[in-house]
Amino acid sequence: MQKYTQLTYEQRYHVYLLNKQGYNQTFIAKSMGRNKSTISRELSRNTGKRGYRHKQANRLADERY
């Protein structure tokens, strides 16, 4: 069975920066060595009216796990 790992704070910040610069999910995923679906889930879970917020995303992930 495959072992899953959460995104770290630094990885979430990386997602935030690249997303803010307008890069697509495929590019972000490849640059991090992660699956595109991981980035897609991360952005869909944690994007609100004010966009993707990496600090809030990390806090919510800590609460979930």
N, C-alpha and C. Protein backbone atom coordinates (compact mmCIF):
# COMPACT_ATOMS: atom_id res chain seq x y z
N MET A 1 0.84 -1.18 0.00
CA MET A 1 0.00 0.00 0.00
C MET A 1 0.89 1.25 0.00
N GLN A 2 0.48 2.22 -0.78
CA GLN A 2 1.28 3.44 -0.93
C GLN A 2 1.16 4.33 0.31
N LYS A 3 2.28 4.91 0.70
CA LYS A 3 2.29 5.82 1.83
C LYS A 3 2.10 7.25 1.32
N TYR A 4 1.18 7.96 1.94
CA TYR A 4 0.90 9.33 1.53
C TYR A 4 1.59 10.31 2.46
N THR A 5 2.05 11.41 1.90
CA THR A 5 2.67 12.44 2.71
C THR A 5 1.96 13.77 2.47
N GLN A 6 1.79 14.51 3.54
CA GLN A 6 1.17 15.83 3.44
C GLN A 6 2.15 16.82 2.83
N LEU A 7 1.60 17.88 2.29
CA LEU A 7 2.46 18.98 1.85
C LEU A 7 2.99 19.68 3.09
N THR A 8 4.23 20.10 3.04
CA THR A 8 4.81 20.85 4.15
C THR A 8 4.45 22.32 4.01
N TYR A 9 4.76 23.09 5.04
CA TYR A 9 4.52 24.53 4.99
C TYR A 9 5.28 25.14 3.82
N GLU A 10 6.53 24.73 3.64
CA GLU A 10 7.35 25.26 2.55
C GLU A 10 6.76 24.92 1.19
N GLN A 11 6.23 23.71 1.05
CA GLN A 11 5.62 23.31 -0.22
C GLN A 11 4.35 24.11 -0.48
N ARG A 12 3.57 24.36 0.57
CA ARG A 12 2.37 25.18 0.40
C ARG A 12 2.74 26.61 0.00
N TYR A 13 3.82 27.11 0.56
CA TYR A 13 4.28 28.45 0.19
C TYR A 13 4.72 28.47 -1.28
N HIS A 14 5.37 27.40 -1.71
CA HIS A 14 5.79 27.26 -3.11
C HIS A 14 4.56 27.26 -4.02
N VAL A 15 3.52 26.52 -3.64
CA VAL A 15 2.26 26.50 -4.40
C VAL A 15 1.68 27.91 -4.47
N TYR A 16 1.68 28.59 -3.34
CA TYR A 16 1.16 29.95 -3.27
C TYR A 16 1.89 30.88 -4.24
N LEU A 17 3.22 30.86 -4.19
CA LEU A 17 4.01 31.76 -5.04
C LEU A 17 3.77 31.49 -6.53
N LEU A 18 3.85 30.23 -6.92
CA LEU A 18 3.68 29.90 -8.34
C LEU A 18 2.26 30.16 -8.81
N ASN A 19 1.29 29.86 -7.97
CA ASN A 19 -0.11 30.12 -8.32
C ASN A 19 -0.34 31.62 -8.49
N LYS A 20 0.23 32.40 -7.60
CA LYS A 20 0.09 33.86 -7.67
C LYS A 20 0.74 34.42 -8.93
N GLN A 21 1.81 33.79 -9.38
CA GLN A 21 2.51 34.23 -10.60
C GLN A 21 1.81 33.76 -11.87
N GLY A 22 0.73 32.97 -11.71
CA GLY A 22 -0.07 32.57 -12.86
C GLY A 22 0.28 31.23 -13.47
N TYR A 23 1.15 30.45 -12.82
CA TYR A 23 1.50 29.14 -13.35
C TYR A 23 0.34 28.17 -13.14
N ASN A 24 0.19 27.23 -14.08
CA ASN A 24 -0.90 26.26 -13.96
C ASN A 24 -0.53 25.12 -13.02
N GLN A 25 -1.53 24.32 -12.69
CA GLN A 25 -1.35 23.23 -11.72
C GLN A 25 -0.34 22.20 -12.20
N THR A 26 -0.33 21.92 -13.48
CA THR A 26 0.62 20.94 -14.02
C THR A 26 2.06 21.41 -13.82
N PHE A 27 2.32 22.67 -14.12
CA PHE A 27 3.67 23.21 -13.93
C PHE A 27 4.06 23.18 -12.45
N ILE A 28 3.14 23.59 -11.59
CA ILE A 28 3.42 23.61 -10.15
C ILE A 28 3.75 22.20 -9.67
N ALA A 29 2.94 21.23 -10.09
CA ALA A 29 3.15 19.84 -9.67
C ALA A 29 4.50 19.31 -10.15
N LYS A 30 4.83 19.55 -11.40
CA LYS A 30 6.11 19.06 -11.94
C LYS A 30 7.29 19.72 -11.24
N SER A 31 7.18 21.00 -10.94
CA SER A 31 8.30 21.70 -10.30
C SER A 31 8.55 21.20 -8.88
N MET A 32 7.51 20.61 -8.28
CA MET A 32 7.62 20.11 -6.90
C MET A 32 7.81 18.59 -6.84
N GLY A 33 7.67 17.93 -7.98
CA GLY A 33 7.75 16.47 -7.99
C GLY A 33 6.54 15.82 -7.35
N ARG A 34 5.40 16.48 -7.44
CA ARG A 34 4.15 15.95 -6.88
C ARG A 34 3.17 15.68 -8.00
N ASN A 35 2.13 14.92 -7.69
CA ASN A 35 1.10 14.62 -8.66
C ASN A 35 0.21 15.83 -8.87
N LYS A 36 -0.27 16.00 -10.10
CA LYS A 36 -1.14 17.14 -10.41
C LYS A 36 -2.40 17.13 -9.55
N SER A 37 -2.93 15.94 -9.25
CA SER A 37 -4.15 15.87 -8.45
C SER A 37 -3.92 16.37 -7.02
N THR A 38 -2.71 16.21 -6.51
CA THR A 38 -2.38 16.72 -5.17
C THR A 38 -2.49 18.24 -5.15
N ILE A 39 -1.94 18.87 -6.17
CA ILE A 39 -1.99 20.33 -6.26
C ILE A 39 -3.42 20.80 -6.49
N SER A 40 -4.14 20.08 -7.33
CA SER A 40 -5.54 20.42 -7.60
C SER A 40 -6.37 20.37 -6.32
N ARG A 41 -6.21 19.30 -5.54
CA ARG A 41 -6.94 19.18 -4.27
C ARG A 41 -6.56 20.29 -3.31
N GLU A 42 -5.27 20.57 -3.22
CA GLU A 42 -4.78 21.61 -2.32
C GLU A 42 -5.41 22.96 -2.66
N LEU A 43 -5.42 23.30 -3.93
CA LEU A 43 -5.98 24.58 -4.34
C LEU A 43 -7.50 24.62 -4.17
N SER A 44 -8.18 23.53 -4.50
CA SER A 44 -9.64 23.55 -4.38
C SER A 44 -10.09 23.58 -2.93
N ARG A 45 -9.38 22.91 -2.05
CA ARG A 45 -9.72 22.91 -0.62
C ARG A 45 -9.48 24.26 0.04
N ASN A 46 -8.47 24.97 -0.42
CA ASN A 46 -7.97 26.13 0.32
C ASN A 46 -8.01 27.44 -0.44
N THR A 47 -8.83 27.52 -1.48
CA THR A 47 -8.97 28.77 -2.21
C THR A 47 -10.35 29.34 -1.92
N GLY A 48 -10.35 30.55 -1.40
CA GLY A 48 -11.60 31.22 -1.09
C GLY A 48 -11.70 32.52 -1.86
N LYS A 49 -12.49 33.42 -1.34
CA LYS A 49 -12.70 34.72 -1.99
C LYS A 49 -11.40 35.50 -2.14
N ARG A 50 -10.49 35.30 -1.23
CA ARG A 50 -9.22 36.03 -1.26
C ARG A 50 -8.10 35.24 -1.92
N GLY A 51 -8.44 34.16 -2.60
CA GLY A 51 -7.44 33.35 -3.28
C GLY A 51 -6.87 32.27 -2.36
N TYR A 52 -5.81 31.63 -2.82
CA TYR A 52 -5.15 30.57 -2.06
C TYR A 52 -4.32 31.20 -0.96
N ARG A 53 -4.54 30.74 0.27
CA ARG A 53 -3.83 31.30 1.43
C ARG A 53 -3.05 30.18 2.11
N HIS A 54 -1.74 30.17 1.91
CA HIS A 54 -0.90 29.06 2.37
C HIS A 54 -0.87 28.92 3.89
N LYS A 55 -0.90 30.02 4.62
CA LYS A 55 -0.86 29.93 6.08
C LYS A 55 -2.13 29.29 6.62
N GLN A 56 -3.26 29.72 6.09
CA GLN A 56 -4.54 29.15 6.51
C GLN A 56 -4.62 27.68 6.09
N ALA A 57 -4.14 27.37 4.89
CA ALA A 57 -4.15 25.99 4.41
C ALA A 57 -3.34 25.09 5.33
N ASN A 58 -2.20 25.56 5.78
CA ASN A 58 -1.36 24.77 6.67
C ASN A 58 -2.03 24.57 8.03
N ARG A 59 -2.65 25.63 8.54
CA ARG A 59 -3.34 25.53 9.83
C ARG A 59 -4.49 24.52 9.75
N LEU A 60 -5.28 24.59 8.67
CA LEU A 60 -6.40 23.66 8.51
C LEU A 60 -5.92 22.22 8.36
N ALA A 61 -4.82 22.02 7.65
CA ALA A 61 -4.26 20.67 7.50
C ALA A 61 -3.79 20.14 8.85
N ASP A 62 -3.17 20.99 9.65
CA ASP A 62 -2.74 20.56 10.99
C ASP A 62 -3.94 20.15 11.84
N GLU A 63 -5.05 20.86 11.70
CA GLU A 63 -6.25 20.52 12.46
C GLU A 63 -6.85 19.20 12.00
N ARG A 64 -6.76 18.91 10.68
CA ARG A 64 -7.31 17.66 10.15
C ARG A 64 -6.49 16.46 10.60
N TYR A 65 -5.19 16.62 10.74
CA TYR A 65 -4.31 15.49 11.05
C TYR A 65 -3.70 15.70 12.37
